[in-house]
C-alpha atoms as a PDB file:
ATOM      1  CA  UNK A   1     -13.013  -7.140   5.525  1.00  0.00           C
ATOM      2  CA  UNK A   2      -9.908  -9.090   6.359  1.00  0.00           C
ATOM      3  CA  UNK A   3      -7.971  -8.391   9.532  1.00  0.00           C
ATOM      4  CA  UNK A   4      -4.582  -7.337   8.076  1.00  0.00           C
ATOM      5  CA  UNK A   5      -6.135  -5.156   5.382  1.00  0.00           C
ATOM      6  CA  UNK A   6      -8.305  -3.417   7.982  1.00  0.00           C
ATOM      7  CA  UNK A   7      -5.282  -2.818  10.214  1.00  0.00           C
ATOM      8  CA  UNK A   8      -3.346  -1.286   7.298  1.00  0.00           C
ATOM      9  CA  UNK A   9      -6.217   1.058   6.491  1.00  0.00           C
ATOM     10  CA  UNK A  10      -6.689   2.189  10.104  1.00  0.00           C
ATOM     11  CA  UNK A  11      -3.003   2.832  10.687  1.00  0.00           C
ATOM     12  CA  UNK A  12      -2.509   4.757   7.447  1.00  0.00           C
ATOM     13  CA  UNK A  13      -5.581   6.903   8.115  1.00  0.00           C
ATOM     14  CA  UNK A  14      -4.287   7.710  11.601  1.00  0.00           C
ATOM     15  CA  UNK A  15      -0.688   8.404  10.552  1.00  0.00           C
ATOM     16  CA  UNK A  16      -1.103  10.211   7.228  1.00  0.00           C
ATOM     17  CA  UNK A  17      -4.671  11.561   7.074  1.00  0.00           C
ATOM     18  CA  UNK A  18      -4.994  10.631   3.394  1.00  0.00           C
ATOM     19  CA  UNK A  19      -7.236  12.427   0.945  1.00  0.00           C
ATOM     20  CA  UNK A  20      -7.516   9.063  -0.825  1.00  0.00           C
ATOM     21  CA  UNK A  21      -6.552   5.568   0.301  1.00  0.00           C
ATOM     22  CA  UNK A  22      -6.935   2.242  -1.441  1.00  0.00           C
ATOM     23  CA  UNK A  23      -5.603  -0.970   0.090  1.00  0.00           C
ATOM     24  CA  UNK A  24      -5.922  -3.982  -2.179  1.00  0.00           C
ATOM     25  CA  UNK A  25      -5.104  -7.525  -1.094  1.00  0.00           C
ATOM     26  CA  UNK A  26      -3.242  -9.007  -4.074  1.00  0.00           C
ATOM     27  CA  UNK A  27      -2.308 -12.249  -2.310  1.00  0.00           C
ATOM     28  CA  UNK A  28      -4.582 -14.257  -4.631  1.00  0.00           C
ATOM     29  CA  UNK A  29      -2.152 -13.412  -7.482  1.00  0.00           C
ATOM     30  CA  UNK A  30       0.655 -15.281  -5.724  1.00  0.00           C
ATOM     31  CA  UNK A  31       1.469 -18.822  -4.669  1.00  0.00           C
ATOM     32  CA  UNK A  32      -0.033 -18.602  -1.176  1.00  0.00           C
ATOM     33  CA  UNK A  33      -2.909 -20.433   0.522  1.00  0.00           C
ATOM     34  CA  UNK A  34      -6.436 -19.221  -0.197  1.00  0.00           C
ATOM     35  CA  UNK A  35      -7.490 -16.411   2.104  1.00  0.00           C
ATOM     36  CA  UNK A  36      -3.926 -15.198   2.692  1.00  0.00           C
ATOM     37  CA  UNK A  37      -3.166 -11.592   3.554  1.00  0.00           C
ATOM     38  CA  UNK A  38       0.484 -11.221   2.632  1.00  0.00           C
ATOM     39  CA  UNK A  39       0.692  -9.169  -0.599  1.00  0.00           C
ATOM     40  CA  UNK A  40      -0.850  -5.687  -0.769  1.00  0.00           C
ATOM     41  CA  UNK A  41      -1.058  -2.731  -3.110  1.00  0.00           C
ATOM     42  CA  UNK A  42      -1.493   0.626  -1.385  1.00  0.00           C
ATOM     43  CA  UNK A  43      -2.433   3.827  -3.181  1.00  0.00           C
ATOM     44  CA  UNK A  44      -2.245   6.734  -0.771  1.00  0.00           C
ATOM     45  CA  UNK A  45      -2.677  10.435  -1.461  1.00  0.00           C
ATOM     46  CA  UNK A  46      -1.605  12.747   1.346  1.00  0.00           C
ATOM     47  CA  UNK A  47      -0.574  16.356   1.888  1.00  0.00           C
ATOM     48  CA  UNK A  48       2.169  14.953   4.117  1.00  0.00           C
ATOM     49  CA  UNK A  49       4.042  13.803   0.991  1.00  0.00           C
ATOM     50  CA  UNK A  50       4.393  17.395  -0.272  1.00  0.00           C
ATOM     51  CA  UNK A  51       8.067  18.250  -0.850  1.00  0.00           C
ATOM     52  CA  UNK A  52       9.231  14.718  -0.014  1.00  0.00           C
ATOM     53  CA  UNK A  53      11.132  12.383  -2.309  1.00  0.00           C
ATOM     54  CA  UNK A  54       9.800   8.876  -2.973  1.00  0.00           C
ATOM     55  CA  UNK A  55      12.033   7.213  -0.369  1.00  0.00           C
ATOM     56  CA  UNK A  56      10.882   9.600   2.374  1.00  0.00           C
ATOM     57  CA  UNK A  57       7.245   8.938   1.464  1.00  0.00           C
ATOM     58  CA  UNK A  58       7.773   5.187   1.632  1.00  0.00           C
ATOM     59  CA  UNK A  59       9.503   5.546   4.987  1.00  0.00           C
ATOM     60  CA  UNK A  60       6.427   7.329   6.372  1.00  0.00           C
ATOM     61  CA  UNK A  61       4.195   4.460   5.231  1.00  0.00           C
ATOM     62  CA  UNK A  62       6.639   1.819   6.468  1.00  0.00           C
ATOM     63  CA  UNK A  63       6.843   3.496   9.884  1.00  0.00           C
ATOM     64  CA  UNK A  64       3.055   3.409  10.196  1.00  0.00           C
ATOM     65  CA  UNK A  65       2.991  -0.280   9.234  1.00  0.00           C
ATOM     66  CA  UNK A  66       6.093  -1.366  11.165  1.00  0.00           C
ATOM     67  CA  UNK A  67       4.320  -4.167  13.036  1.00  0.00           C
ATOM     68  CA  UNK A  68       2.717  -5.661   9.905  1.00  0.00           C
ATOM     69  CA  UNK A  69       5.965  -5.442   7.916  1.00  0.00           C
ATOM     70  CA  UNK A  70       7.773  -7.416  10.618  1.00  0.00           C
ATOM     71  CA  UNK A  71       5.348 -10.291  10.382  1.00  0.00           C
ATOM     72  CA  UNK A  72       2.306 -10.625   8.186  1.00  0.00           C
ATOM     73  CA  UNK A  73       3.129  -8.556   5.089  1.00  0.00           C
ATOM     74  CA  UNK A  74       5.419 -10.243   2.584  1.00  0.00           C
ATOM     75  CA  UNK A  75       5.092  -7.683  -0.227  1.00  0.00           C
ATOM     76  CA  UNK A  76       3.843  -4.106  -0.266  1.00  0.00           C
ATOM     77  CA  UNK A  77       3.476  -2.171  -3.525  1.00  0.00           C
ATOM     78  CA  UNK A  78       3.308   1.531  -2.684  1.00  0.00           C
ATOM     79  CA  UNK A  79       1.925   4.374  -4.769  1.00  0.00           C
ATOM     80  CA  UNK A  80       2.489   7.504  -2.655  1.00  0.00           C
ATOM     81  CA  UNK A  81       1.187  10.723  -4.187  1.00  0.00           C
ATOM     82  CA  UNK A  82       0.429  14.310  -3.288  1.00  0.00           C
ATOM     83  CA  UNK A  83      -3.057  15.575  -4.117  1.00  0.00           C
ATOM     84  CA  UNK A  84      -1.713  17.526  -7.124  1.00  0.00           C
ATOM     85  CA  UNK A  85       0.140  14.460  -8.449  1.00  0.00           C
ATOM     86  CA  UNK A  86      -3.018  12.383  -8.022  1.00  0.00           C
ATOM     87  CA  UNK A  87      -5.069  14.964  -9.909  1.00  0.00           C
ATOM     88  CA  UNK A  88      -2.481  15.134 -12.706  1.00  0.00           C
ATOM     89  CA  UNK A  89      -2.773  11.351 -13.137  1.00  0.00           C
ATOM     90  CA  UNK A  90      -6.544  11.573 -13.286  1.00  0.00           C
ATOM     91  CA  UNK A  91      -6.865   9.396 -10.193  1.00  0.00           C
ATOM     92  CA  UNK A  92      -5.085   6.450 -11.826  1.00  0.00           C
ATOM     93  CA  UNK A  93      -2.038   4.331 -10.935  1.00  0.00           C
ATOM     94  CA  UNK A  94      -0.189   1.563 -12.707  1.00  0.00           C
ATOM     95  CA  UNK A  95      -1.414  -2.000 -12.364  1.00  0.00           C
ATOM     96  CA  UNK A  96       0.742  -4.389 -10.381  1.00  0.00           C
ATOM     97  CA  UNK A  97       2.960  -6.652 -12.482  1.00  0.00           C
ATOM     98  CA  UNK A  98       2.139 -10.364 -12.602  1.00  0.00           C
ATOM     99  CA  UNK A  99       3.776 -12.644 -10.058  1.00  0.00           C
ATOM    100  CA  UNK A 100       6.838 -14.334 -11.534  1.00  0.00           C
ATOM    101  CA  UNK A 101       7.754 -16.593  -8.645  1.00  0.00           C
ATOM    102  CA  UNK A 102       6.381 -19.231  -6.387  1.00  0.00           C
ATOM    103  CA  UNK A 103       5.427 -21.722  -9.077  1.00  0.00           C
ATOM    104  CA  UNK A 104       1.876 -20.468  -9.551  1.00  0.00           C
END
């Protein structure tokens, strides 16, 4: 597993004790060198999101990934759900939109 992706997973597990976590490196969909770790999609299901609005949930994730967001991560697509929201969606999230920039 790649270094940045592994760091994201470890930090989110430690900070938010997720019931479900998926970290997907989507850098290959963008105009970046092969092997890059700069664009990620995170699906995280946590009891800690209960009663929190979307912005507060994102702030929790951003706080856990502060170091990566200041340097290595260029884009972070977040899907932050409570266990009941996750169940209501049948364990599914929306696909990331295609990259529209960078000349790729």
